[in-house]
Amino acid sequence: MPGSLNDPDITTLMVERIRKCPNCNIYSLENACKKCTQSTVQLKPPKFSLIDKYASLRRNLKKKDLRKRELY
């Protein structure tokens, strides 16, 4: 599935690029905040844990995407 959010290359790219404005606390992929024009900072990846609090959310999003594309 190239081009989907489940593609490892795209997921890695988004994790590496996601940024946050320290002033507004707004997330962005840009180097400057659109609201206050302050420089954004790159976030650290989430801490690894065997207890994955967001697994069900990811599964639901994946199912929704597959249903939308009539693959599920």
PDB file of N, CA and C in Angstrom:
ATOM      1  N   MET A   1       0.814  -1.184   0.000  1.00  0.00           N
ATOM      2  CA  MET A   1       0.000   0.000   0.000  1.00  0.00           C
ATOM      3  C   MET A   1       0.863   1.255   0.000  1.00  0.00           C
ATOM      4  N   PRO A   2       1.609   1.541  -1.017  1.00  0.00           N
ATOM      5  CA  PRO A   2       2.406   2.746  -1.001  1.00  0.00           C
ATOM      6  C   PRO A   2       1.517   3.981  -0.970  1.00  0.00           C
ATOM      7  N   GLY A   3       1.932   4.948  -0.179  1.00  0.00           N
ATOM      8  CA  GLY A   3       1.182   6.196  -0.089  1.00  0.00           C
ATOM      9  C   GLY A   3       0.161   6.222   1.032  1.00  0.00           C
ATOM     10  N   SER A   4      -0.052   5.094   1.726  1.00  0.00           N
ATOM     11  CA  SER A   4      -1.010   5.094   2.828  1.00  0.00           C
ATOM     12  C   SER A   4      -0.283   5.379   4.135  1.00  0.00           C
ATOM     13  N   LEU A   5      -1.037   5.706   5.175  1.00  0.00           N
ATOM     14  CA  LEU A   5      -0.436   5.988   6.472  1.00  0.00           C
ATOM     15  C   LEU A   5       0.173   4.749   7.111  1.00  0.00           C
ATOM     16  N   ASN A   6      -0.180   3.571   6.606  1.00  0.00           N
ATOM     17  CA  ASN A   6       0.366   2.337   7.144  1.00  0.00           C
ATOM     18  C   ASN A   6       1.687   1.965   6.486  1.00  0.00           C
ATOM     19  N   ASP A   7       2.089   2.700   5.481  1.00  0.00           N
ATOM     20  CA  ASP A   7       3.361   2.477   4.812  1.00  0.00           C
ATOM     21  C   ASP A   7       4.484   2.884   5.772  1.00  0.00           C
ATOM     22  N   PRO A   8       5.405   1.975   6.108  1.00  0.00           N
ATOM     23  CA  PRO A   8       6.455   2.299   7.080  1.00  0.00           C
ATOM     24  C   PRO A   8       7.274   3.527   6.707  1.00  0.00           C
ATOM     25  N   ASP A   9       7.519   3.745   5.414  1.00  0.00           N
ATOM     26  CA  ASP A   9       8.321   4.899   5.008  1.00  0.00           C
ATOM     27  C   ASP A   9       7.605   6.207   5.317  1.00  0.00           C
ATOM     28  N   ILE A  10       6.300   6.265   5.085  1.00  0.00           N
ATOM     29  CA  ILE A  10       5.533   7.480   5.352  1.00  0.00           C
ATOM     30  C   ILE A  10       5.403   7.700   6.852  1.00  0.00           C
ATOM     31  N   THR A  11       5.147   6.650   7.612  1.00  0.00           N
ATOM     32  CA  THR A  11       5.025   6.774   9.061  1.00  0.00           C
ATOM     33  C   THR A  11       6.318   7.288   9.661  1.00  0.00           C
ATOM     34  N   THR A  12       7.444   6.743   9.226  1.00  0.00           N
ATOM     35  CA  THR A  12       8.745   7.195   9.722  1.00  0.00           C
ATOM     36  C   THR A  12       8.970   8.643   9.355  1.00  0.00           C
ATOM     37  N   LEU A  13       8.633   9.011   8.140  1.00  0.00           N
ATOM     38  CA  LEU A  13       8.818  10.386   7.691  1.00  0.00           C
ATOM     39  C   LEU A  13       7.996  11.344   8.537  1.00  0.00           C
ATOM     40  N   MET A  14       6.734  10.996   8.828  1.00  0.00           N
ATOM     41  CA  MET A  14       5.885  11.880   9.622  1.00  0.00           C
ATOM     42  C   MET A  14       6.388  11.989  11.053  1.00  0.00           C
ATOM     43  N   VAL A  15       6.838  10.887  11.646  1.00  0.00           N
ATOM     44  CA  VAL A  15       7.356  10.928  13.011  1.00  0.00           C
ATOM     45  C   VAL A  15       8.600  11.802  13.068  1.00  0.00           C
ATOM     46  N   GLU A  16       9.436  11.718  12.056  1.00  0.00           N
ATOM     47  CA  GLU A  16      10.648  12.525  12.036  1.00  0.00           C
ATOM     48  C   GLU A  16      10.341  13.999  11.803  1.00  0.00           C
ATOM     49  N   ARG A  17       9.251  14.313  11.131  1.00  0.00           N
ATOM     50  CA  ARG A  17       8.959  15.696  10.761  1.00  0.00           C
ATOM     51  C   ARG A  17       8.013  16.412  11.701  1.00  0.00           C
ATOM     52  N   ILE A  18       7.277  15.712  12.552  1.00  0.00           N
ATOM     53  CA  ILE A  18       6.285  16.380  13.383  1.00  0.00           C
ATOM     54  C   ILE A  18       6.980  17.324  14.362  1.00  0.00           C
ATOM     55  N   ARG A  19       6.427  18.526  14.458  1.00  0.00           N
ATOM     56  CA  ARG A  19       7.030  19.574  15.260  1.00  0.00           C
ATOM     57  C   ARG A  19       5.946  20.213  16.131  1.00  0.00           C
ATOM     58  N   LYS A  20       6.377  20.961  17.137  1.00  0.00           N
ATOM     59  CA  LYS A  20       5.434  21.599  18.044  1.00  0.00           C
ATOM     60  C   LYS A  20       5.915  23.006  18.366  1.00  0.00           C
ATOM     61  N   CYS A  21       4.984  23.940  18.420  1.00  0.00           N
ATOM     62  CA  CYS A  21       5.305  25.317  18.797  1.00  0.00           C
ATOM     63  C   CYS A  21       5.378  25.385  20.318  1.00  0.00           C
ATOM     64  N   PRO A  22       6.510  25.790  20.882  1.00  0.00           N
ATOM     65  CA  PRO A  22       6.616  25.855  22.341  1.00  0.00           C
ATOM     66  C   PRO A  22       5.754  26.975  22.940  1.00  0.00           C
ATOM     67  N   ASN A  23       5.393  27.952  22.136  1.00  0.00           N
ATOM     68  CA  ASN A  23       4.600  29.075  22.611  1.00  0.00           C
ATOM     69  C   ASN A  23       3.103  28.751  22.607  1.00  0.00           C
ATOM     70  N   CYS A  24       2.597  28.224  21.499  1.00  0.00           N
ATOM     71  CA  CYS A  24       1.152  27.961  21.328  1.00  0.00           C
ATOM     72  C   CYS A  24       0.758  26.522  21.655  1.00  0.00           C
ATOM     73  N   ASN A  25       1.720  25.616  21.715  1.00  0.00           N
ATOM     74  CA  ASN A  25       1.475  24.174  21.895  1.00  0.00           C
ATOM     75  C   ASN A  25       0.672  23.593  20.739  1.00  0.00           C
ATOM     76  N   ILE A  26       0.894  24.106  19.536  1.00  0.00           N
ATOM     77  CA  ILE A  26       0.226  23.621  18.335  1.00  0.00           C
ATOM     78  C   ILE A  26       1.190  22.721  17.569  1.00  0.00           C
ATOM     79  N   TYR A  27       0.700  21.576  17.092  1.00  0.00           N
ATOM     80  CA  TYR A  27       1.519  20.649  16.325  1.00  0.00           C
ATOM     81  C   TYR A  27       1.504  21.029  14.851  1.00  0.00           C
ATOM     82  N   SER A  28       2.626  20.802  14.181  1.00  0.00           N
ATOM     83  CA  SER A  28       2.742  21.186  12.779  1.00  0.00           C
ATOM     84  C   SER A  28       3.849  20.378  12.117  1.00  0.00           C
ATOM     85  N   LEU A  29       3.867  20.402  10.800  1.00  0.00           N
ATOM     86  CA  LEU A  29       4.984  19.828  10.047  1.00  0.00           C
ATOM     87  C   LEU A  29       5.902  20.932   9.538  1.00  0.00           C
ATOM     88  N   GLU A  30       5.541  22.172   9.819  1.00  0.00           N
ATOM     89  CA  GLU A  30       6.309  23.326   9.351  1.00  0.00           C
ATOM     90  C   GLU A  30       7.397  23.714  10.348  1.00  0.00           C
ATOM     91  N   ASN A  31       8.387  24.469   9.886  1.00  0.00           N
ATOM     92  CA  ASN A  31       9.463  24.934  10.753  1.00  0.00           C
ATOM     93  C   ASN A  31       9.068  26.154  11.579  1.00  0.00           C
ATOM     94  N   ALA A  32       8.007  26.841  11.191  1.00  0.00           N
ATOM     95  CA  ALA A  32       7.526  28.011  11.926  1.00  0.00           C
ATOM     96  C   ALA A  32       6.030  27.852  12.183  1.00  0.00           C
ATOM     97  N   CYS A  33       5.597  28.305  13.351  1.00  0.00           N
ATOM     98  CA  CYS A  33       4.183  28.238  13.725  1.00  0.00           C
ATOM     99  C   CYS A  33       3.380  29.194  12.853  1.00  0.00           C
ATOM    100  N   LYS A  34       2.237  28.719  12.351  1.00  0.00           N
ATOM    101  CA  LYS A  34       1.383  29.566  11.512  1.00  0.00           C
ATOM    102  C   LYS A  34       0.631  30.604  12.335  1.00  0.00           C
ATOM    103  N   LYS A  35       0.467  30.337  13.623  1.00  0.00           N
ATOM    104  CA  LYS A  35      -0.284  31.249  14.479  1.00  0.00           C
ATOM    105  C   LYS A  35       0.585  32.395  15.005  1.00  0.00           C
ATOM    106  N   CYS A  36       1.763  32.066  15.542  1.00  0.00           N
ATOM    107  CA  CYS A  36       2.597  33.099  16.164  1.00  0.00           C
ATOM    108  C   CYS A  36       3.927  33.322  15.447  1.00  0.00           C
ATOM    109  N   THR A  37       4.207  32.559  14.419  1.00  0.00           N
ATOM    110  CA  THR A  37       5.431  32.625  13.595  1.00  0.00           C
ATOM    111  C   THR A  37       6.720  32.304  14.353  1.00  0.00           C
ATOM    112  N   GLN A  38       6.604  31.751  15.549  1.00  0.00           N
ATOM    113  CA  GLN A  38       7.788  31.328  16.301  1.00  0.00           C
ATOM    114  C   GLN A  38       8.297  30.002  15.731  1.00  0.00           C
ATOM    115  N   SER A  39       9.586  29.755  15.860  1.00  0.00           N
ATOM    116  CA  SER A  39      10.162  28.495  15.389  1.00  0.00           C
ATOM    117  C   SER A  39       9.586  27.320  16.163  1.00  0.00           C
ATOM    118  N   THR A  40       9.278  26.259  15.447  1.00  0.00           N
ATOM    119  CA  THR A  40       8.787  25.042  16.085  1.00  0.00           C
ATOM    120  C   THR A  40       9.955  24.149  16.439  1.00  0.00           C
ATOM    121  N   VAL A  41       9.739  23.240  17.383  1.00  0.00           N
ATOM    122  CA  VAL A  41      10.794  22.318  17.806  1.00  0.00           C
ATOM    123  C   VAL A  41      10.398  20.907  17.420  1.00  0.00           C
ATOM    124  N   GLN A  42      11.395  20.104  17.106  1.00  0.00           N
ATOM    125  CA  GLN A  42      11.144  18.718  16.734  1.00  0.00           C
ATOM    126  C   GLN A  42      10.887  17.903  17.991  1.00  0.00           C
ATOM    127  N   LEU A  43       9.885  17.051  17.949  1.00  0.00           N
ATOM    128  CA  LEU A  43       9.512  16.246  19.099  1.00  0.00           C
ATOM    129  C   LEU A  43      10.295  14.944  19.130  1.00  0.00           C
ATOM    130  N   LYS A  44      10.458  14.417  20.321  1.00  0.00           N
ATOM    131  CA  LYS A  44      11.071  13.106  20.480  1.00  0.00           C
ATOM    132  C   LYS A  44      10.008  12.048  20.168  1.00  0.00           C
ATOM    133  N   PRO A  45      10.424  10.890  19.702  1.00  0.00           N
ATOM    134  CA  PRO A  45       9.433   9.826  19.482  1.00  0.00           C
ATOM    135  C   PRO A  45       8.845   9.383  20.819  1.00  0.00           C
ATOM    136  N   PRO A  46       7.630   8.845  20.799  1.00  0.00           N
ATOM    137  CA  PRO A  46       7.033   8.391  22.061  1.00  0.00           C
ATOM    138  C   PRO A  46       7.842   7.266  22.682  1.00  0.00           C
ATOM    139  N   LYS A  47       7.835   7.197  23.989  1.00  0.00           N
ATOM    140  CA  LYS A  47       8.557   6.163  24.718  1.00  0.00           C
ATOM    141  C   LYS A  47       7.937   4.798  24.410  1.00  0.00           C
ATOM    142  N   PHE A  48       8.786   3.805  24.181  1.00  0.00           N
ATOM    143  CA  PHE A  48       8.299   2.462  23.887  1.00  0.00           C
ATOM    144  C   PHE A  48       7.698   1.841  25.132  1.00  0.00           C
ATOM    145  N   SER A  49       6.568   1.191  24.954  1.00  0.00           N
ATOM    146  CA  SER A  49       5.923   0.494  26.054  1.00  0.00           C
ATOM    147  C   SER A  49       5.181  -0.710  25.497  1.00  0.00           C
ATOM    148  N   LEU A  50       5.240  -1.815  26.229  1.00  0.00           N
ATOM    149  CA  LEU A  50       4.489  -3.000  25.817  1.00  0.00           C
ATOM    150  C   LEU A  50       2.989  -2.777  26.003  1.00  0.00           C
ATOM    151  N   ILE A  51       2.628  -1.887  26.908  1.00  0.00           N
ATOM    152  CA  ILE A  51       1.232  -1.528  27.113  1.00  0.00           C
ATOM    153  C   ILE A  51       0.944  -0.350  26.198  1.00  0.00           C
ATOM    154  N   ASP A  52       0.331  -0.644  25.073  1.00  0.00           N
ATOM    155  CA  ASP A  52       0.092   0.366  24.047  1.00  0.00           C
ATOM    156  C   ASP A  52      -1.301   0.961  24.233  1.00  0.00           C
ATOM    157  N   LYS A  53      -1.356   2.178  24.771  1.00  0.00           N
ATOM    158  CA  LYS A  53      -2.641   2.820  25.062  1.00  0.00           C
ATOM    159  C   LYS A  53      -3.407   3.184  23.800  1.00  0.00           C
ATOM    160  N   TYR A  54      -2.717   3.345  22.685  1.00  0.00           N
ATOM    161  CA  TYR A  54      -3.351   3.847  21.477  1.00  0.00           C
ATOM    162  C   TYR A  54      -3.539   2.788  20.395  1.00  0.00           C
ATOM    163  N   ALA A  55      -3.282   1.537  20.709  1.00  0.00           N
ATOM    164  CA  ALA A  55      -3.397   0.463  19.716  1.00  0.00           C
ATOM    165  C   ALA A  55      -4.819   0.354  19.169  1.00  0.00           C
ATOM    166  N   SER A  56      -5.811   0.446  20.031  1.00  0.00           N
ATOM    167  CA  SER A  56      -7.189   0.313  19.565  1.00  0.00           C
ATOM    168  C   SER A  56      -7.568   1.477  18.651  1.00  0.00           C
ATOM    169  N   LEU A  57      -7.065   2.664  18.948  1.00  0.00           N
ATOM    170  CA  LEU A  57      -7.342   3.808  18.076  1.00  0.00           C
ATOM    171  C   LEU A  57      -6.722   3.612  16.699  1.00  0.00           C
ATOM    172  N   ARG A  58      -5.479   3.125  16.660  1.00  0.00           N
ATOM    173  CA  ARG A  58      -4.823   2.883  15.375  1.00  0.00           C
ATOM    174  C   ARG A  58      -5.551   1.813  14.584  1.00  0.00           C
ATOM    175  N   ARG A  59      -5.981   0.754  15.277  1.00  0.00           N
ATOM    176  CA  ARG A  59      -6.712  -0.312  14.582  1.00  0.00           C
ATOM    177  C   ARG A  59      -8.028   0.207  14.014  1.00  0.00           C
ATOM    178  N   ASN A  60      -8.736   1.016  14.780  1.00  0.00           N
ATOM    179  CA  ASN A  60     -10.010   1.575  14.300  1.00  0.00           C
ATOM    180  C   ASN A  60      -9.789   2.489  13.101  1.00  0.00           C
ATOM    181  N   LEU A  61      -8.747   3.302  13.127  1.00  0.00           N
ATOM    182  CA  LEU A  61      -8.449   4.164  11.987  1.00  0.00           C
ATOM    183  C   LEU A  61      -8.086   3.349  10.756  1.00  0.00           C
ATOM    184  N   LYS A  62      -7.338   2.275  10.974  1.00  0.00           N
ATOM    185  CA  LYS A  62      -6.957   1.423   9.852  1.00  0.00           C
ATOM    186  C   LYS A  62      -8.192   0.743   9.251  1.00  0.00           C
ATOM    187  N   LYS A  63      -9.096   0.243  10.106  1.00  0.00           N
ATOM    188  CA  LYS A  63     -10.326  -0.380   9.617  1.00  0.00           C
ATOM    189  C   LYS A  63     -11.168   0.631   8.840  1.00  0.00           C
ATOM    190  N   LYS A  64     -11.278   1.841   9.371  1.00  0.00           N
ATOM    191  CA  LYS A  64     -12.054   2.883   8.698  1.00  0.00           C
ATOM    192  C   LYS A  64     -11.473   3.190   7.321  1.00  0.00           C
ATOM    193  N   ASP A  65     -10.139   3.275   7.244  1.00  0.00           N
ATOM    194  CA  ASP A  65      -9.481   3.532   5.968  1.00  0.00           C
ATOM    195  C   ASP A  65      -9.715   2.379   4.991  1.00  0.00           C
ATOM    196  N   LEU A  66      -9.618   1.140   5.474  1.00  0.00           N
ATOM    197  CA  LEU A  66      -9.833  -0.018   4.607  1.00  0.00           C
ATOM    198  C   LEU A  66     -11.287  -0.100   4.134  1.00  0.00           C
ATOM    199  N   ARG A  67     -12.229   0.222   5.019  1.00  0.00           N
ATOM    200  CA  ARG A  67     -13.640   0.221   4.609  1.00  0.00           C
ATOM    201  C   ARG A  67     -13.906   1.291   3.557  1.00  0.00           C
ATOM    202  N   LYS A  68     -13.287   2.451   3.752  1.00  0.00           N
ATOM    203  CA  LYS A  68     -13.467   3.547   2.798  1.00  0.00           C
ATOM    204  C   LYS A  68     -12.984   3.146   1.408  1.00  0.00           C
ATOM    205  N   ARG A  69     -11.889   2.390   1.383  1.00  0.00           N
ATOM    206  CA  ARG A  69     -11.345   1.937   0.107  1.00  0.00           C
ATOM    207  C   ARG A  69     -11.924   0.588  -0.314  1.00  0.00           C
ATOM    208  N   GLU A  70     -12.946   0.111   0.421  1.00  0.00           N
ATOM    209  CA  GLU A  70     -13.640  -1.148   0.153  1.00  0.00           C
ATOM    210  C   GLU A  70     -12.697  -2.340   0.098  1.00  0.00           C
ATOM    211  N   LEU A  71     -11.751  -2.371   1.027  1.00  0.00           N
ATOM    212  CA  LEU A  71     -10.830  -3.497   1.135  1.00  0.00           C
ATOM    213  C   LEU A  71     -11.064  -4.328   2.394  1.00  0.00           C
ATOM    214  N   TYR A  72     -12.053  -3.933   3.204  1.00  0.00           N
ATOM    215  CA  TYR A  72     -12.341  -4.649   4.445  1.00  0.00           C
ATOM    216  C   TYR A  72     -13.780  -5.022   4.487  1.00  0.00           C
TER     217      TYR A  72
END
